[in-house]
Amino acid sequence: MLIKVSEMRDMEVISLHDGRRLGPIMDIEMDLDEGRILALILPEEPAGGFSSLFRSARELWIPYEQIYRIGEDVILVDITGEILAPAPEETREVNKEDEEDE
């Protein structure tokens, strides 16, 4: 089966462990030299409530090795916990602190 990256972005990502919908694909990390997908990147679901409006966005990174199956409508992933990456603003703040320490 052949699939386009643009078609993958419209698919729902679902956890095999609990059937939870993790959301749509926001981005895909690829290794262009080797021509392969490294990870799927999904937006983290907000916890809800007023405080979530001010929370910085984080991302859920799913390494390619944890993709169980890519179907016609959904992508099944084999993860037991969430793999969160810091938002770009958080990464910049950490890097600034490291530079100031040097």
N, C-alpha and C. Protein backbone atom coordinates (compact mmCIF):
# COMPACT_ATOMS: atom_id res chain seq x y z
N MET A 1 0.84 -1.18 0.00
CA MET A 1 0.00 0.00 0.00
C MET A 1 0.89 1.24 0.00
N LEU A 2 0.62 2.15 -0.88
CA LEU A 2 1.33 3.42 -0.94
C LEU A 2 0.46 4.51 -0.33
N ILE A 3 1.10 5.43 0.36
CA ILE A 3 0.37 6.52 1.00
C ILE A 3 1.20 7.80 0.92
N LYS A 4 0.54 8.92 0.75
CA LYS A 4 1.21 10.22 0.72
C LYS A 4 1.27 10.80 2.11
N VAL A 5 2.28 11.60 2.38
CA VAL A 5 2.39 12.26 3.68
C VAL A 5 1.18 13.15 3.91
N SER A 6 0.70 13.81 2.88
CA SER A 6 -0.47 14.67 3.03
C SER A 6 -1.70 13.87 3.46
N GLU A 7 -1.80 12.62 3.05
CA GLU A 7 -2.91 11.77 3.47
C GLU A 7 -2.75 11.35 4.92
N MET A 8 -1.51 11.16 5.38
CA MET A 8 -1.26 10.76 6.76
C MET A 8 -1.70 11.85 7.73
N ARG A 9 -1.56 13.10 7.31
CA ARG A 9 -1.92 14.21 8.20
C ARG A 9 -3.41 14.24 8.51
N ASP A 10 -4.22 13.61 7.67
CA ASP A 10 -5.66 13.58 7.88
C ASP A 10 -6.10 12.37 8.72
N MET A 11 -5.18 11.48 9.04
CA MET A 11 -5.51 10.27 9.79
C MET A 11 -5.51 10.52 11.29
N GLU A 12 -6.33 9.77 11.98
CA GLU A 12 -6.39 9.81 13.44
C GLU A 12 -5.36 8.82 13.98
N VAL A 13 -4.63 9.22 15.03
CA VAL A 13 -3.65 8.34 15.67
C VAL A 13 -4.29 7.77 16.93
N ILE A 14 -4.25 6.44 17.06
CA ILE A 14 -4.92 5.76 18.17
C ILE A 14 -3.94 4.85 18.89
N SER A 15 -4.00 4.87 20.24
CA SER A 15 -3.15 4.03 21.07
C SER A 15 -3.69 2.60 21.11
N LEU A 16 -2.82 1.62 20.91
CA LEU A 16 -3.22 0.22 20.99
C LEU A 16 -3.58 -0.19 22.42
N HIS A 17 -2.93 0.40 23.41
CA HIS A 17 -3.09 -0.03 24.79
C HIS A 17 -4.45 0.28 25.38
N ASP A 18 -4.99 1.46 25.09
CA ASP A 18 -6.25 1.83 25.70
C ASP A 18 -7.29 2.34 24.71
N GLY A 19 -6.98 2.30 23.42
CA GLY A 19 -7.92 2.74 22.41
C GLY A 19 -8.14 4.24 22.37
N ARG A 20 -7.30 4.96 23.11
CA ARG A 20 -7.45 6.42 23.21
C ARG A 20 -7.05 7.08 21.89
N ARG A 21 -7.84 8.07 21.50
CA ARG A 21 -7.49 8.87 20.32
C ARG A 21 -6.45 9.90 20.74
N LEU A 22 -5.31 9.87 20.10
CA LEU A 22 -4.23 10.79 20.44
C LEU A 22 -4.31 12.07 19.62
N GLY A 23 -5.09 12.04 18.56
CA GLY A 23 -5.27 13.24 17.75
C GLY A 23 -4.71 13.09 16.36
N PRO A 24 -4.83 14.14 15.59
CA PRO A 24 -4.30 14.12 14.22
C PRO A 24 -2.80 14.44 14.22
N ILE A 25 -2.15 14.10 13.14
CA ILE A 25 -0.72 14.39 12.99
C ILE A 25 -0.54 15.86 12.68
N MET A 26 0.30 16.51 13.48
CA MET A 26 0.60 17.92 13.28
C MET A 26 1.80 18.08 12.34
N ASP A 27 2.77 17.16 12.49
CA ASP A 27 4.00 17.24 11.70
C ASP A 27 4.63 15.86 11.64
N ILE A 28 5.57 15.69 10.75
CA ILE A 28 6.30 14.43 10.61
C ILE A 28 7.78 14.77 10.53
N GLU A 29 8.58 14.12 11.37
CA GLU A 29 10.04 14.30 11.31
C GLU A 29 10.60 13.23 10.39
N MET A 30 11.40 13.68 9.41
CA MET A 30 11.94 12.75 8.41
C MET A 30 13.45 12.89 8.30
N ASP A 31 14.08 11.79 7.94
CA ASP A 31 15.50 11.79 7.61
C ASP A 31 15.58 11.76 6.09
N LEU A 32 15.88 12.91 5.49
CA LEU A 32 15.89 13.00 4.04
C LEU A 32 17.04 12.23 3.41
N ASP A 33 18.16 12.12 4.13
CA ASP A 33 19.30 11.37 3.59
C ASP A 33 18.96 9.90 3.42
N GLU A 34 18.22 9.33 4.37
CA GLU A 34 17.86 7.92 4.31
C GLU A 34 16.46 7.70 3.76
N GLY A 35 15.69 8.79 3.61
CA GLY A 35 14.35 8.69 3.06
C GLY A 35 13.39 7.92 3.95
N ARG A 36 13.40 8.21 5.27
CA ARG A 36 12.50 7.49 6.16
C ARG A 36 11.91 8.41 7.22
N ILE A 37 10.78 7.99 7.74
CA ILE A 37 10.11 8.73 8.81
C ILE A 37 10.80 8.41 10.13
N LEU A 38 11.09 9.44 10.92
CA LEU A 38 11.69 9.25 12.24
C LEU A 38 10.64 9.31 13.34
N ALA A 39 9.66 10.21 13.21
CA ALA A 39 8.65 10.36 14.25
C ALA A 39 7.42 11.07 13.73
N LEU A 40 6.30 10.78 14.38
CA LEU A 40 5.07 11.53 14.16
C LEU A 40 4.96 12.55 15.29
N ILE A 41 4.52 13.74 14.98
CA ILE A 41 4.40 14.80 15.98
C ILE A 41 2.94 15.21 16.05
N LEU A 42 2.38 15.11 17.26
CA LEU A 42 0.98 15.45 17.49
C LEU A 42 0.91 16.56 18.53
N PRO A 43 -0.13 17.39 18.47
CA PRO A 43 -0.29 18.40 19.53
C PRO A 43 -0.75 17.71 20.81
N GLU A 44 -0.26 18.18 21.95
CA GLU A 44 -0.71 17.65 23.23
C GLU A 44 -2.12 18.13 23.48
N GLU A 45 -2.96 17.26 23.99
CA GLU A 45 -4.32 17.67 24.31
C GLU A 45 -4.30 18.57 25.53
N PRO A 46 -4.98 19.71 25.48
CA PRO A 46 -5.05 20.54 26.68
C PRO A 46 -5.86 19.85 27.76
N ALA A 47 -5.49 20.08 29.00
CA ALA A 47 -6.17 19.45 30.14
C ALA A 47 -7.57 20.01 30.31
N GLY A 48 -7.83 21.15 29.72
CA GLY A 48 -9.14 21.77 29.84
C GLY A 48 -9.15 22.79 30.96
N GLY A 49 -10.18 23.58 30.99
CA GLY A 49 -10.29 24.59 32.04
C GLY A 49 -9.60 25.88 31.66
N PHE A 50 -9.76 26.85 32.53
CA PHE A 50 -9.25 28.19 32.28
C PHE A 50 -7.73 28.23 32.21
N SER A 51 -7.05 27.47 33.06
CA SER A 51 -5.58 27.52 33.09
C SER A 51 -4.95 26.98 31.82
N SER A 52 -5.66 26.09 31.09
CA SER A 52 -5.09 25.52 29.87
C SER A 52 -4.96 26.58 28.77
N LEU A 53 -5.70 27.69 28.89
CA LEU A 53 -5.59 28.75 27.89
C LEU A 53 -4.22 29.41 27.92
N PHE A 54 -3.60 29.40 29.10
CA PHE A 54 -2.32 30.08 29.26
C PHE A 54 -1.14 29.12 29.27
N ARG A 55 -1.39 27.85 29.17
CA ARG A 55 -0.32 26.87 29.19
C ARG A 55 0.36 26.85 27.83
N SER A 56 1.69 26.77 27.82
CA SER A 56 2.39 26.74 26.55
C SER A 56 2.17 25.39 25.86
N ALA A 57 2.13 25.43 24.55
CA ALA A 57 1.87 24.22 23.77
C ALA A 57 3.06 23.28 23.84
N ARG A 58 2.75 22.00 23.98
CA ARG A 58 3.78 20.97 23.95
C ARG A 58 3.38 19.99 22.87
N GLU A 59 4.30 19.13 22.53
CA GLU A 59 4.04 18.19 21.44
C GLU A 59 4.25 16.76 21.90
N LEU A 60 3.49 15.87 21.31
CA LEU A 60 3.62 14.45 21.56
C LEU A 60 4.43 13.86 20.40
N TRP A 61 5.60 13.32 20.71
CA TRP A 61 6.47 12.73 19.69
C TRP A 61 6.35 11.22 19.76
N ILE A 62 6.02 10.61 18.65
CA ILE A 62 5.90 9.15 18.59
C ILE A 62 6.96 8.64 17.61
N PRO A 63 8.01 7.98 18.13
CA PRO A 63 9.05 7.46 17.25
C PRO A 63 8.48 6.42 16.27
N TYR A 64 9.09 6.33 15.11
CA TYR A 64 8.62 5.42 14.07
C TYR A 64 8.52 3.98 14.58
N GLU A 65 9.44 3.59 15.45
CA GLU A 65 9.46 2.22 15.97
C GLU A 65 8.19 1.89 16.75
N GLN A 66 7.46 2.89 17.20
CA GLN A 66 6.25 2.66 17.98
C GLN A 66 4.98 2.71 17.12
N ILE A 67 5.14 2.87 15.81
CA ILE A 67 3.98 2.80 14.92
C ILE A 67 3.73 1.32 14.67
N TYR A 68 2.55 0.86 15.07
CA TYR A 68 2.21 -0.56 14.93
C TYR A 68 1.68 -0.84 13.52
N ARG A 69 0.75 -0.01 13.06
CA ARG A 69 0.18 -0.24 11.74
C ARG A 69 -0.39 1.05 11.20
N ILE A 70 -0.19 1.27 9.91
CA ILE A 70 -0.80 2.40 9.22
C ILE A 70 -1.89 1.83 8.33
N GLY A 71 -3.13 2.16 8.65
CA GLY A 71 -4.26 1.66 7.89
C GLY A 71 -4.77 2.69 6.91
N GLU A 72 -5.96 2.45 6.40
CA GLU A 72 -6.55 3.39 5.44
C GLU A 72 -7.07 4.65 6.11
N ASP A 73 -7.56 4.51 7.36
CA ASP A 73 -8.18 5.64 8.05
C ASP A 73 -7.47 6.05 9.33
N VAL A 74 -6.74 5.13 9.95
CA VAL A 74 -6.11 5.39 11.24
C VAL A 74 -4.68 4.88 11.27
N ILE A 75 -3.93 5.41 12.24
CA ILE A 75 -2.57 4.93 12.52
C ILE A 75 -2.58 4.41 13.94
N LEU A 76 -2.24 3.15 14.12
CA LEU A 76 -2.19 2.55 15.45
C LEU A 76 -0.76 2.63 15.97
N VAL A 77 -0.63 3.11 17.21
CA VAL A 77 0.70 3.24 17.81
C VAL A 77 0.76 2.45 19.10
N ASP A 78 1.92 1.92 19.40
CA ASP A 78 2.15 1.09 20.57
C ASP A 78 2.96 1.87 21.58
N ILE A 79 2.26 2.72 22.35
CA ILE A 79 2.93 3.49 23.39
C ILE A 79 2.19 3.26 24.70
N THR A 80 2.94 3.20 25.80
CA THR A 80 2.32 3.01 27.10
C THR A 80 2.18 4.35 27.83
N GLY A 81 3.03 5.31 27.53
CA GLY A 81 2.98 6.63 28.15
C GLY A 81 3.14 7.68 27.09
N GLU A 82 2.92 8.92 27.48
CA GLU A 82 3.06 10.01 26.53
C GLU A 82 4.52 10.44 26.45
N ILE A 83 4.96 10.71 25.26
CA ILE A 83 6.31 11.19 25.03
C ILE A 83 6.19 12.65 24.62
N LEU A 84 6.45 13.54 25.57
CA LEU A 84 6.27 14.96 25.32
C LEU A 84 7.59 15.64 25.04
N ALA A 85 7.58 16.52 24.09
CA ALA A 85 8.74 17.37 23.80
C ALA A 85 8.39 18.78 24.25
N PRO A 86 9.35 19.53 24.77
CA PRO A 86 9.05 20.89 25.20
C PRO A 86 8.68 21.78 24.02
N ALA A 87 7.87 22.77 24.31
CA ALA A 87 7.52 23.75 23.29
C ALA A 87 8.76 24.54 22.92
N PRO A 88 8.83 25.11 21.73
CA PRO A 88 10.01 25.87 21.32
C PRO A 88 10.39 26.97 22.29
N GLU A 89 9.41 27.65 22.90
CA GLU A 89 9.71 28.72 23.85
C GLU A 89 10.45 28.17 25.05
N GLU A 90 10.01 26.98 25.53
CA GLU A 90 10.66 26.36 26.68
C GLU A 90 12.09 25.97 26.35
N THR A 91 12.31 25.47 25.14
CA THR A 91 13.64 25.07 24.72
C THR A 91 14.56 26.28 24.67
N ARG A 92 14.05 27.39 24.15
CA ARG A 92 14.85 28.60 24.08
C ARG A 92 15.23 29.09 25.47
N GLU A 93 14.30 29.03 26.42
CA GLU A 93 14.57 29.47 27.78
C GLU A 93 15.66 28.62 28.42
N VAL A 94 15.60 27.31 28.22
CA VAL A 94 16.61 26.41 28.78
C VAL A 94 17.97 26.72 28.17
N ASN A 95 18.02 26.94 26.86
CA ASN A 95 19.28 27.25 26.18
C ASN A 95 19.86 28.57 26.66
N LYS A 96 19.01 29.57 26.91
CA LYS A 96 19.49 30.86 27.41
C LYS A 96 20.13 30.69 28.78
N GLU A 97 19.49 29.88 29.64
CA GLU A 97 20.03 29.65 30.98
C GLU A 97 21.38 28.95 30.91
N ASP A 98 21.52 27.98 29.99
CA ASP A 98 22.79 27.28 29.83
C ASP A 98 23.89 28.22 29.37
N GLU A 99 23.55 29.12 28.45
CA GLU A 99 24.54 30.08 27.94
C GLU A 99 24.98 31.05 29.02
N GLU A 100 24.04 31.45 29.88
CA GLU A 100 24.37 32.39 30.95
C GLU A 100 25.28 31.76 31.98
N ASP A 101 25.17 30.45 32.19
CA ASP A 101 25.99 29.73 33.16
C ASP A 101 27.45 29.63 32.71
N GLU A 102 27.67 29.67 31.41
CA GLU A 102 29.03 29.47 30.86
C GLU A 102 29.91 30.66 31.02
